[in-house]
C-alpha atoms as a PDB file:
ATOM      1  CA  MET A   1       4.664  15.959   4.924  1.00  0.00           C
ATOM      2  CA  ASN A   2       2.038  14.211   7.515  1.00  0.00           C
ATOM      3  CA  PHE A   3       0.436  11.069   8.061  1.00  0.00           C
ATOM      4  CA  ASP A   4      -2.001  12.026   5.455  1.00  0.00           C
ATOM      5  CA  GLU A   5      -0.047  13.304   3.243  1.00  0.00           C
ATOM      6  CA  PHE A   6       2.857  10.546   2.961  1.00  0.00           C
ATOM      7  CA  THR A   7      -0.079   7.537   2.910  1.00  0.00           C
ATOM      8  CA  GLY A   8      -1.976   9.485   0.178  1.00  0.00           C
ATOM      9  CA  GLU A   9       1.327   9.383  -1.723  1.00  0.00           C
ATOM     10  CA  VAL A  10       1.882   5.423  -1.097  1.00  0.00           C
ATOM     11  CA  GLN A  11      -1.548   5.366  -2.558  1.00  0.00           C
ATOM     12  CA  HIS A  12      -1.196   7.082  -5.434  1.00  0.00           C
ATOM     13  CA  ARG A  13       2.265   5.556  -6.150  1.00  0.00           C
ATOM     14  CA  LEU A  14       0.331   2.135  -5.911  1.00  0.00           C
ATOM     15  CA  GLU A  15      -2.554   3.027  -7.200  1.00  0.00           C
ATOM     16  CA  LEU A  16      -4.420   1.451  -4.264  1.00  0.00           C
ATOM     17  CA  PRO A  17      -7.920   1.105  -3.614  1.00  0.00           C
ATOM     18  CA  GLY A  18      -8.457   2.410  -0.258  1.00  0.00           C
ATOM     19  CA  THR A  19      -6.304   3.354   2.714  1.00  0.00           C
ATOM     20  CA  GLY A  20      -6.186   0.037   4.528  1.00  0.00           C
ATOM     21  CA  GLU A  21      -4.452  -1.588   1.924  1.00  0.00           C
ATOM     22  CA  THR A  22      -1.731   1.500   1.819  1.00  0.00           C
ATOM     23  CA  VAL A  23      -1.467   1.784   5.122  1.00  0.00           C
ATOM     24  CA  ARG A  24      -0.705  -1.937   5.278  1.00  0.00           C
ATOM     25  CA  ALA A  25       1.723  -1.950   3.029  1.00  0.00           C
ATOM     26  CA  ILE A  26       3.387   0.863   4.812  1.00  0.00           C
ATOM     27  CA  ARG A  27       3.531  -1.225   7.400  1.00  0.00           C
ATOM     28  CA  ALA A  28       4.377  -4.132   6.019  1.00  0.00           C
ATOM     29  CA  THR A  29       7.676  -2.582   3.874  1.00  0.00           C
ATOM     30  CA  LEU A  30       8.924  -0.366   6.958  1.00  0.00           C
ATOM     31  CA  MET A  31       8.585  -2.945   9.735  1.00  0.00           C
ATOM     32  CA  THR A  32      10.193  -5.394   7.753  1.00  0.00           C
ATOM     33  CA  LEU A  33      13.038  -3.025   7.048  1.00  0.00           C
ATOM     34  CA  GLY A  34      13.311  -1.683  10.680  1.00  0.00           C
ATOM     35  CA  GLN A  35      13.123  -5.260  11.626  1.00  0.00           C
ATOM     36  CA  ARG A  36      16.914  -6.037   9.295  1.00  0.00           C
ATOM     37  CA  ILE A  37      18.482  -2.886   9.885  1.00  0.00           C
ATOM     38  CA  PRO A  38      20.437  -1.761  13.609  1.00  0.00           C
ATOM     39  CA  ASP A  39      18.176  -0.116  15.717  1.00  0.00           C
ATOM     40  CA  GLY A  40      20.151   3.150  15.494  1.00  0.00           C
ATOM     41  CA  ALA A  41      19.657   3.384  12.120  1.00  0.00           C
ATOM     42  CA  ALA A  42      16.069   2.652  12.247  1.00  0.00           C
ATOM     43  CA  GLU A  43      15.331   5.174  14.153  1.00  0.00           C
ATOM     44  CA  ASP A  44      17.738   8.050  12.317  1.00  0.00           C
ATOM     45  CA  LEU A  45      15.835   6.679   9.661  1.00  0.00           C
ATOM     46  CA  ALA A  46      11.718   6.923  10.934  1.00  0.00           C
ATOM     47  CA  ALA A  47      13.260  10.152  12.737  1.00  0.00           C
ATOM     48  CA  SER A  48      12.085  12.692   9.615  1.00  0.00           C
ATOM     49  CA  LEU A  49       8.696  10.557   8.704  1.00  0.00           C
ATOM     50  CA  PRO A  50       5.064  11.060  10.359  1.00  0.00           C
ATOM     51  CA  MET A  51       4.996  10.060  13.894  1.00  0.00           C
ATOM     52  CA  GLU A  52       2.572   7.371  12.911  1.00  0.00           C
ATOM     53  CA  ILE A  53       4.578   6.127   9.913  1.00  0.00           C
ATOM     54  CA  ARG A  54       8.266   6.163  12.496  1.00  0.00           C
ATOM     55  CA  TRP A  55       6.198   3.924  14.756  1.00  0.00           C
ATOM     56  CA  TYR A  56       6.695   1.312  12.021  1.00  0.00           C
ATOM     57  CA  MET A  57      10.265   0.896  12.032  1.00  0.00           C
ATOM     58  CA  THR A  58      10.649   1.453  15.513  1.00  0.00           C
ATOM     59  CA  GLY A  59       8.193   0.821  18.245  1.00  0.00           C
ATOM     60  CA  ALA A  60       6.469  -1.746  16.270  1.00  0.00           C
ATOM     61  CA  VAL A  61       9.982  -3.808  15.789  1.00  0.00           C
ATOM     62  CA  ASP A  62      10.976  -6.067  18.356  1.00  0.00           C
ATOM     63  CA  GLU A  63      14.006  -7.246  17.658  1.00  0.00           C
ATOM     64  CA  HIS A  64      15.967  -4.693  15.144  1.00  0.00           C
ATOM     65  CA  GLY A  65      19.374  -6.312  12.988  1.00  0.00           C
ATOM     66  CA  GLN A  66      18.360  -9.349  12.265  1.00  0.00           C
ATOM     67  CA  ARG A  67      20.462 -10.859   9.533  1.00  0.00           C
ATOM     68  CA  PHE A  68      18.377 -12.125   6.039  1.00  0.00           C
ATOM     69  CA  ASP A  69      18.386 -11.775   2.508  1.00  0.00           C
ATOM     70  CA  TRP A  70      16.412  -9.757   0.157  1.00  0.00           C
ATOM     71  CA  ARG A  71      14.721 -12.910  -0.490  1.00  0.00           C
ATOM     72  CA  GLU A  72      13.174 -13.208   2.907  1.00  0.00           C
ATOM     73  CA  PHE A  73      12.715  -9.934   2.903  1.00  0.00           C
ATOM     74  CA  VAL A  74       9.971  -9.872   0.471  1.00  0.00           C
ATOM     75  CA  SER A  75       8.392 -12.981   2.015  1.00  0.00           C
ATOM     76  CA  ARG A  76       7.838 -11.149   5.231  1.00  0.00           C
ATOM     77  CA  VAL A  77       6.551  -7.803   3.744  1.00  0.00           C
ATOM     78  CA  SER A  78       4.218 -10.095   1.416  1.00  0.00           C
ATOM     79  CA  GLU A  79       3.207 -11.981   4.262  1.00  0.00           C
ATOM     80  CA  ILE A  80       2.066  -9.547   6.160  1.00  0.00           C
ATOM     81  CA  GLU A  81       0.458  -6.800   3.316  1.00  0.00           C
ATOM     82  CA  GLY A  82      -1.043 -10.030   2.243  1.00  0.00           C
ATOM     83  CA  ASN A  83       0.023  -9.796  -1.322  1.00  0.00           C
ATOM     84  CA  ASP A  84       1.832 -12.197  -3.796  1.00  0.00           C
ATOM     85  CA  PRO A  85       5.832 -11.693  -3.649  1.00  0.00           C
ATOM     86  CA  SER A  86       6.044  -9.919  -7.187  1.00  0.00           C
ATOM     87  CA  GLU A  87       3.393  -7.369  -5.245  1.00  0.00           C
ATOM     88  CA  ALA A  88       4.941  -6.682  -2.248  1.00  0.00           C
ATOM     89  CA  ALA A  89       8.262  -6.534  -3.872  1.00  0.00           C
ATOM     90  CA  TYR A  90       7.369  -3.573  -5.925  1.00  0.00           C
ATOM     91  CA  HIS A  91       5.727  -1.622  -3.266  1.00  0.00           C
ATOM     92  CA  ALA A  92       8.564  -2.112  -1.065  1.00  0.00           C
ATOM     93  CA  ARG A  93      10.839  -0.362  -3.629  1.00  0.00           C
ATOM     94  CA  VAL A  94       7.819   2.671  -3.957  1.00  0.00           C
ATOM     95  CA  ILE A  95       7.651   2.921  -0.645  1.00  0.00           C
ATOM     96  CA  VAL A  96      11.638   3.367  -0.121  1.00  0.00           C
ATOM     97  CA  ASP A  97      11.813   5.560  -2.780  1.00  0.00           C
ATOM     98  CA  LEU A  98       9.277   7.992  -1.212  1.00  0.00           C
ATOM     99  CA  VAL A  99      10.994   7.357   2.284  1.00  0.00           C
ATOM    100  CA  ARG A 100      13.874   9.037   0.125  1.00  0.00           C
ATOM    101  CA  THR A 101      12.333  11.847  -0.332  1.00  0.00           C
ATOM    102  CA  GLN A 102      11.674  12.543   3.058  1.00  0.00           C
ATOM    103  CA  VAL A 103      14.608  11.999   5.212  1.00  0.00           C
ATOM    104  CA  PRO A 104      18.342  13.311   5.065  1.00  0.00           C
ATOM    105  CA  GLN A 105      20.538  12.121   2.738  1.00  0.00           C
ATOM    106  CA  SER A 106      22.738  11.070   4.592  1.00  0.00           C
ATOM    107  CA  ASP A 107      20.314   9.162   6.758  1.00  0.00           C
ATOM    108  CA  PHE A 108      19.249   7.083   3.632  1.00  0.00           C
ATOM    109  CA  ARG A 109      22.968   6.546   2.681  1.00  0.00           C
ATOM    110  CA  GLN A 110      23.164   4.875   6.090  1.00  0.00           C
ATOM    111  CA  LEU A 111      19.834   2.570   5.034  1.00  0.00           C
ATOM    112  CA  ARG A 112      22.064   1.525   1.887  1.00  0.00           C
ATOM    113  CA  ASP A 113      24.826   1.183   3.357  1.00  0.00           C
ATOM    114  CA  GLN A 114      23.360  -1.565   5.953  1.00  0.00           C
ATOM    115  CA  LEU A 115      21.998  -3.059   3.381  1.00  0.00           C
ATOM    116  CA  PRO A 116      24.776  -5.558   0.617  1.00  0.00           C
ATOM    117  CA  GLU A 117      24.400  -4.042  -2.938  1.00  0.00           C
ATOM    118  CA  ASP A 118      26.569  -7.488  -4.316  1.00  0.00           C
ATOM    119  CA  ARG A 119      24.462 -10.219  -6.235  1.00  0.00           C
ATOM    120  CA  ARG A 120      26.785 -12.182  -4.477  1.00  0.00           C
ATOM    121  CA  ASP A 121      26.157 -10.856  -1.323  1.00  0.00           C
ATOM    122  CA  GLU A 122      22.281 -10.789  -0.152  1.00  0.00           C
ATOM    123  CA  ASN A 123      20.640  -8.804  -3.058  1.00  0.00           C
ATOM    124  CA  TRP A 124      19.411  -5.764  -1.319  1.00  0.00           C
ATOM    125  CA  GLU A 125      20.283  -3.383  -4.416  1.00  0.00           C
ATOM    126  CA  LYS A 126      16.970  -4.664  -5.974  1.00  0.00           C
ATOM    127  CA  LEU A 127      15.197  -2.731  -3.128  1.00  0.00           C
ATOM    128  CA  PHE A 128      16.565   0.029  -4.631  1.00  0.00           C
ATOM    129  CA  GLU A 129      15.685  -0.419  -7.908  1.00  0.00           C
ATOM    130  CA  VAL A 130      13.466   2.689  -8.354  1.00  0.00           C
ATOM    131  CA  VAL A 131      15.886   4.656  -6.524  1.00  0.00           C
ATOM    132  CA  ASP A 132      18.282   4.098  -8.923  1.00  0.00           C
ATOM    133  CA  ALA A 133      16.209   4.790 -11.692  1.00  0.00           C
ATOM    134  CA  GLY A 134      15.462   8.272 -11.256  1.00  0.00           C
ATOM    135  CA  GLY A 135      12.745   7.908  -8.581  1.00  0.00           C
ATOM    136  CA  TRP A 136       9.127   7.272  -8.965  1.00  0.00           C
ATOM    137  CA  GLY A 137       8.250   9.690 -11.427  1.00  0.00           C
ATOM    138  CA  ASP A 138      11.248   8.650 -13.874  1.00  0.00           C
ATOM    139  CA  ALA A 139      11.163   4.595 -13.005  1.00  0.00           C
ATOM    140  CA  GLN A 140       7.224   4.829 -13.989  1.00  0.00           C
ATOM    141  CA  GLU A 141       7.658   7.086 -17.265  1.00  0.00           C
ATOM    142  CA  ALA A 142      10.256   4.235 -18.147  1.00  0.00           C
ATOM    143  CA  GLN A 143       7.731   1.533 -17.295  1.00  0.00           C
ATOM    144  CA  THR A 144       5.231   3.327 -19.206  1.00  0.00           C
ATOM    145  CA  GLY A 145       7.200   4.845 -22.302  1.00  0.00           C
ATOM    146  CA  GLY A 146       6.005   8.251 -21.053  1.00  0.00           C
ATOM    147  CA  GLY A 147       8.000  11.688 -21.803  1.00  0.00           C
ATOM    148  CA  PRO A 148       8.661  13.104 -25.237  1.00  0.00           C
ATOM    149  CA  GLN A 149       8.488  10.927 -28.185  1.00  0.00           C
ATOM    150  CA  PRO A 150      10.684  11.890 -31.423  1.00  0.00           C
ATOM    151  CA  GLU A 151       9.328  13.213 -34.595  1.00  0.00           C
ATOM    152  CA  ASN A 152       9.162  11.077 -37.406  1.00  0.00           C
ATOM    153  CA  GLY A 153      10.811  12.265 -40.270  1.00  0.00           C
END
């Protein structure tokens, strides 16, 4: 997947009006994620992404491996993206799900291993809600009630 395909897919999934908003959402999520995980993990995860997208996790980050929780992650993404925290959190979940489809399973597992998912320890499981619901298509269907409906009678 190249840059245009990646941003187009994010724009479609998030129903954003333009490329500017889309790139801002991607940059906010991946830059903040790159700040949170160690440099090597960011490099591994970003290696399979388009070059322009990869840069957000690696080159745009001054300090990798910072310790902050899910709430701080959402706050940082929200500030960079210029959206309210609930919208920024949703955007991050959808973008991480698309990243999951583009990277080797071992690199995505490494990401999850870097982020504690225990509710008592930072609440990072919230970042993976779309992934854990079966991915964007299945998660969206569950939210909208789409899919096969039972027959009456």
